[in-house]
Amino acid sequence: MEPFVRAVLYLEAADLPALSPWHDAAEAALLPMVQPPAAPAVRREVTGFVRAADGSGGPIGGAVWADHLVPDLDQLQTIWSYGDARPHGPVEHVDVRVFRTGGGFLWLDLLAGLTGPAALPAVCTAMIGVLQATGAQADPIYGEILVDREPQSPQTALDRVLRRIGEDSLEAGRRFLRGYEWVTVCPSDLAKALGGAGALRATGAFAEITELGTGGLLLRATDDPAGWTEEAARRVFDAVRPVLPPGRPRPLEFETITNVVMTDAHPGS
């Protein structure tokens, strides 16, 4: 299986306008990796669905992403690829997707499938840029970048070992950090509780900390995903421990989740 990179971001429903920079930043950074100069045009299709409060709904018409940004948006997706034909760039396909969760939150999902590992650094940099562009317009509840791992959204890996329901975790997302990954987006409330970028830099747990325009922080644990080890996860855990949810993590029965510290962040609480 070829490598892939996934960025996930969670917003409040009122942050619907931030879906434009999410799409536009992805298009600017990743579409040229699918369709290099002089390559034939990729297939581009936008599909969307709405769901009203009474449960009624249906597809949204419109050929471009902006046509679908309506208050009752339920799902929205665009895919850039050559379909069954051979790829022409280092990225085989890009999926830009948005879902409204049961609790009314927006779950943003960006997936890039690579033709080989050589493109990984550039794609990771592009994904970080998309998170930064969106975080300049809306204060995310949480975000993360995963490499070669499928998220179980809206649950995070930490949610799963804590047996937390994804919607409950989202509801509490400004009181407790929902998880930690190679790249983690921390909301403004929790960034303040941790002392801000300066205090977190002083921990030495992060290779890079970027202050987002809306007050949150983008925390990159190591220079590249290969450095995201159990030791790196422990350093991040210790740095963000004050804002992690309480509870004793427990291994899953049929799946191994790596790089989550199996320690209660607040023992005795």
Protein backbone atom coordinates (compact mmCIF):
# COMPACT_ATOMS: atom_id res chain seq x y z
CA MET A 1 0.00 0.00 0.00
CA GLU A 2 1.33 3.42 -0.97
CA PRO A 3 1.77 5.97 1.83
CA PHE A 4 -0.87 8.54 2.62
CA VAL A 5 -1.16 11.60 4.84
CA ARG A 6 -4.31 12.79 6.55
CA ALA A 7 -5.11 16.11 8.24
CA VAL A 8 -8.21 16.35 10.43
CA LEU A 9 -9.66 19.50 11.95
CA TYR A 10 -12.77 20.12 14.06
CA LEU A 11 -14.70 23.39 14.12
CA GLU A 12 -17.95 24.71 15.51
CA ALA A 13 -20.89 24.88 13.08
CA ALA A 14 -20.70 28.69 13.12
CA ASP A 15 -17.25 28.45 11.51
CA LEU A 16 -18.72 27.43 8.15
CA PRO A 17 -16.91 30.27 6.27
CA ALA A 18 -13.57 28.70 7.26
CA LEU A 19 -14.32 25.87 4.84
CA SER A 20 -13.22 28.18 2.04
CA PRO A 21 -9.59 28.54 3.23
CA TRP A 22 -9.57 24.81 4.03
CA HIS A 23 -10.36 24.02 0.40
CA ASP A 24 -8.40 26.87 -1.20
CA ALA A 25 -5.18 26.24 0.75
CA ALA A 26 -5.38 22.52 -0.11
CA GLU A 27 -5.93 23.35 -3.77
CA ALA A 28 -3.01 25.75 -3.91
CA ALA A 29 -0.56 23.43 -2.15
CA LEU A 30 -1.61 19.93 -3.19
CA LEU A 31 -3.29 20.12 -6.60
CA PRO A 32 0.05 20.89 -8.34
CA MET A 33 1.42 17.67 -6.85
CA VAL A 34 -1.41 15.73 -8.49
CA GLN A 35 -1.39 17.72 -11.75
CA PRO A 36 2.12 19.02 -12.50
CA PRO A 37 2.69 21.60 -15.26
CA ALA A 38 1.91 20.23 -18.75
CA ALA A 39 0.01 17.24 -17.30
CA PRO A 40 -3.57 16.66 -18.45
CA ALA A 41 -6.35 18.06 -16.30
CA VAL A 42 -7.40 15.94 -13.34
CA ARG A 43 -10.94 14.85 -12.71
CA ARG A 44 -12.62 17.32 -10.37
CA GLU A 45 -16.08 16.81 -9.01
CA VAL A 46 -17.79 18.48 -6.07
CA THR A 47 -20.66 16.76 -4.28
CA GLY A 48 -22.59 17.97 -1.29
CA PHE A 49 -25.65 17.17 0.78
CA VAL A 50 -27.78 19.20 3.16
CA ARG A 51 -29.79 18.05 6.15
CA ALA A 52 -32.40 20.27 7.77
CA ALA A 53 -33.38 20.15 11.43
CA ASP A 54 -36.48 18.12 10.58
CA GLY A 55 -34.34 15.43 8.92
CA SER A 56 -35.17 16.36 5.35
CA GLY A 57 -32.39 17.02 2.89
CA GLY A 58 -30.79 16.17 -0.40
CA PRO A 59 -27.91 16.95 -2.75
CA ILE A 60 -26.64 20.48 -3.39
CA GLY A 61 -26.11 21.65 -6.94
CA GLY A 62 -23.10 23.65 -8.03
CA ALA A 63 -19.83 23.03 -9.79
CA VAL A 64 -17.51 24.76 -7.31
CA TRP A 65 -16.82 24.34 -3.60
CA ALA A 66 -18.17 27.76 -2.59
CA ASP A 67 -21.59 26.92 -4.04
CA HIS A 68 -22.06 24.31 -1.31
CA LEU A 69 -21.31 26.39 1.79
CA VAL A 70 -24.89 26.65 3.05
CA PRO A 71 -26.10 26.63 6.69
CA ASP A 72 -27.66 23.14 6.50
CA LEU A 73 -24.53 21.54 5.03
CA ASP A 74 -24.25 17.88 6.03
CA GLN A 75 -21.49 16.53 3.77
CA LEU A 76 -19.18 18.04 1.17
CA GLN A 77 -16.45 16.39 -0.87
CA THR A 78 -14.18 17.03 -3.81
CA ILE A 79 -11.62 14.58 -5.23
CA TRP A 80 -8.73 15.44 -7.53
CA SER A 81 -7.34 12.43 -9.39
CA TYR A 82 -6.88 10.72 -12.75
CA GLY A 83 -9.22 7.92 -11.79
CA ASP A 84 -8.05 4.58 -13.16
CA ALA A 85 -5.40 6.22 -15.37
CA ARG A 86 -1.78 6.43 -14.28
CA PRO A 87 -0.87 9.33 -11.99
CA HIS A 88 1.25 12.19 -13.36
CA GLY A 89 2.68 13.63 -10.15
CA PRO A 90 4.03 12.54 -6.76
CA VAL A 91 0.50 12.59 -5.31
CA GLU A 92 -2.01 10.16 -6.78
CA HIS A 93 -5.18 11.74 -5.41
CA VAL A 94 -6.45 14.32 -2.92
CA ASP A 95 -9.79 14.11 -1.12
CA VAL A 96 -11.12 17.26 0.56
CA ARG A 97 -14.10 16.44 2.76
CA VAL A 98 -16.35 17.95 5.39
CA PHE A 99 -18.96 16.26 7.58
CA ARG A 100 -21.37 17.63 10.15
CA THR A 101 -21.27 15.44 13.24
CA GLY A 102 -24.25 14.42 15.33
CA GLY A 103 -23.48 17.20 17.79
CA GLY A 104 -23.50 19.85 15.09
CA PHE A 105 -19.72 20.23 14.80
CA LEU A 106 -17.80 20.36 11.53
CA TRP A 107 -15.28 17.59 10.91
CA LEU A 108 -12.81 18.57 8.17
CA ASP A 109 -10.82 15.76 6.56
CA LEU A 110 -8.00 16.12 4.02
CA LEU A 111 -6.39 13.00 2.54
CA ALA A 112 -3.45 12.82 0.13
CA GLY A 113 -2.48 9.47 -1.38
CA LEU A 114 1.17 9.43 -2.46
CA THR A 115 2.74 7.52 -5.34
CA GLY A 116 5.81 6.92 -3.20
CA PRO A 117 7.55 7.99 0.02
CA ALA A 118 9.71 10.66 -1.65
CA ALA A 119 6.79 13.10 -1.63
CA LEU A 120 6.13 12.72 2.11
CA PRO A 121 8.08 15.80 3.33
CA ALA A 122 6.43 18.13 0.80
CA VAL A 123 2.97 16.75 1.48
CA CYS A 124 3.40 17.06 5.25
CA THR A 125 4.51 20.68 4.81
CA ALA A 126 1.47 21.33 2.62
CA MET A 127 -0.87 19.77 5.19
CA ILE A 128 0.58 21.95 7.95
CA GLY A 129 -0.01 24.98 5.75
CA VAL A 130 -3.66 24.04 5.27
CA LEU A 131 -4.16 23.75 9.03
CA GLN A 132 -2.48 27.13 9.53
CA ALA A 133 -4.61 28.81 6.84
CA THR A 134 -7.82 27.48 8.36
CA GLY A 135 -6.70 28.24 11.91
CA ALA A 136 -6.19 31.86 10.88
CA GLN A 137 -9.93 32.12 10.18
CA ALA A 138 -11.46 30.01 12.97
CA ASP A 139 -10.30 28.78 16.36
CA PRO A 140 -10.32 24.98 15.97
CA ILE A 141 -11.57 22.68 18.71
CA TYR A 142 -8.83 20.21 17.79
CA GLY A 143 -6.74 19.05 14.85
CA GLU A 144 -4.09 16.49 13.96
CA ILE A 145 -2.00 15.07 11.12
CA LEU A 146 -1.71 11.31 10.72
CA VAL A 147 0.66 9.40 8.42
CA ASP A 148 -0.43 5.97 7.18
CA ARG A 149 -3.12 5.77 9.85
CA GLU A 150 -6.87 5.94 9.43
CA PRO A 151 -8.64 8.10 12.02
CA GLN A 152 -11.81 6.81 13.63
CA SER A 153 -13.33 10.28 13.51
CA PRO A 154 -14.83 11.94 15.35
CA GLN A 155 -12.93 9.88 17.94
CA THR A 156 -9.23 10.47 18.44
CA ALA A 157 -6.79 7.71 19.41
CA LEU A 158 -6.85 9.03 22.97
CA ASP A 159 -10.65 8.97 22.98
CA ARG A 160 -10.60 5.32 21.99
CA VAL A 161 -8.28 4.13 24.73
CA LEU A 162 -10.24 6.23 27.24
CA ARG A 163 -13.52 4.81 25.84
CA ARG A 164 -14.79 8.34 25.18
CA ILE A 165 -17.61 8.95 22.71
CA GLY A 166 -16.46 11.25 19.92
CA GLU A 167 -19.32 13.73 20.27
CA ASP A 168 -18.78 13.95 24.04
CA SER A 169 -15.10 14.59 23.44
CA LEU A 170 -15.98 17.39 21.00
CA GLU A 171 -18.40 18.96 23.45
CA ALA A 172 -15.60 19.13 26.03
CA GLY A 173 -12.93 20.09 23.49
CA ARG A 174 -12.30 23.53 24.96
CA ARG A 175 -11.87 22.11 28.46
CA PHE A 176 -9.71 19.10 27.62
CA LEU A 177 -7.27 18.51 24.77
CA ARG A 178 -8.78 15.66 22.75
CA GLY A 179 -5.49 13.94 21.96
CA TYR A 180 -1.94 14.42 20.70
CA GLU A 181 -0.25 13.31 17.49
CA TRP A 182 2.84 14.11 15.43
CA VAL A 183 1.09 17.40 14.64
CA THR A 184 -1.59 18.60 17.06
CA VAL A 185 -3.79 21.69 16.87
CA CYS A 186 -4.58 23.06 20.34
CA PRO A 187 -7.51 25.51 20.75
CA SER A 188 -6.95 28.98 22.17
CA ASP A 189 -8.55 28.23 25.56
CA LEU A 190 -6.19 25.35 26.22
CA ALA A 191 -3.19 27.17 24.77
CA LYS A 192 -3.74 29.87 27.40
CA ALA A 193 -4.14 27.27 30.14
CA LEU A 194 -0.76 25.81 29.18
CA GLY A 195 0.94 29.20 29.38
CA GLY A 196 1.04 29.93 25.65
CA ALA A 197 3.66 29.23 23.02
CA GLY A 198 6.56 30.41 25.17
CA ALA A 199 5.84 28.03 28.01
CA LEU A 200 5.40 25.10 25.67
CA ARG A 201 8.63 25.88 23.81
CA ALA A 202 10.42 25.84 27.15
CA THR A 203 9.40 22.21 27.68
CA GLY A 204 11.56 21.08 24.77
CA ALA A 205 8.83 18.66 23.70
CA PHE A 206 8.22 20.20 20.27
CA ALA A 207 10.28 20.75 17.15
CA GLU A 208 8.08 23.68 16.15
CA ILE A 209 5.20 25.68 17.63
CA THR A 210 3.16 27.97 15.40
CA GLU A 211 0.78 30.55 16.84
CA LEU A 212 -2.45 30.57 14.83
CA GLY A 213 -4.23 33.81 14.01
CA THR A 214 -7.22 32.96 16.19
CA GLY A 215 -5.18 32.18 19.31
CA GLY A 216 -4.65 28.45 19.02
CA LEU A 217 -1.35 26.66 18.58
CA LEU A 218 -0.06 24.20 16.02
CA LEU A 219 2.32 21.83 17.79
CA ARG A 220 4.75 19.76 15.69
CA ALA A 221 6.42 17.18 17.90
CA THR A 222 9.35 16.19 15.68
CA ASP A 223 10.96 17.33 12.45
CA ASP A 224 9.31 14.54 10.47
CA PRO A 225 6.84 11.70 11.10
CA ALA A 226 9.64 9.14 11.42
CA GLY A 227 10.62 10.79 14.69
CA TRP A 228 7.16 10.33 16.18
CA THR A 229 8.09 7.52 18.56
CA GLU A 230 6.91 6.43 21.99
CA GLU A 231 9.61 8.62 23.52
CA ALA A 232 8.44 11.67 21.57
CA ALA A 233 4.84 10.94 22.55
CA ARG A 234 5.86 10.80 26.22
CA ARG A 235 7.49 14.24 25.95
CA VAL A 236 4.34 15.69 24.39
CA PHE A 237 2.14 13.96 26.97
CA ASP A 238 4.15 15.50 29.79
CA ALA A 239 3.97 18.97 28.17
CA VAL A 240 0.20 18.99 27.64
CA ARG A 241 -0.75 16.83 30.60
CA PRO A 242 -2.48 19.65 32.53
CA VAL A 243 -5.19 19.94 29.86
CA LEU A 244 -5.64 16.27 28.99
CA PRO A 245 -8.86 14.53 30.07
CA PRO A 246 -8.80 12.39 33.20
CA GLY A 247 -9.14 8.64 33.01
CA ARG A 248 -7.04 5.51 32.76
CA PRO A 249 -6.30 4.49 29.17
CA ARG A 250 -6.93 0.81 28.43
CA PRO A 251 -5.67 -1.17 25.44
CA LEU A 252 -8.18 -2.11 22.78
CA GLU A 253 -9.02 -5.77 22.43
CA PHE A 254 -8.47 -6.19 18.69
CA GLU A 255 -6.24 -3.27 17.78
CA THR A 256 -2.94 -1.82 18.94
CA ILE A 257 -2.83 1.96 19.22
CA THR A 258 0.72 3.29 19.28
CA ASN A 259 2.20 6.51 20.64
CA VAL A 260 -0.48 7.09 23.24
CA VAL A 261 0.87 7.10 26.79
CA MET A 262 -1.13 4.55 28.77
CA THR A 263 -1.14 6.63 31.93
CA ASP A 264 -3.93 8.55 33.62
CA ALA A 265 -3.09 12.23 33.11
CA HIS A 266 -4.71 13.07 36.48
CA PRO A 267 -4.43 10.09 38.80
CA GLY A 268 -6.46 10.42 41.95
CA SER A 269 -8.69 13.15 40.53
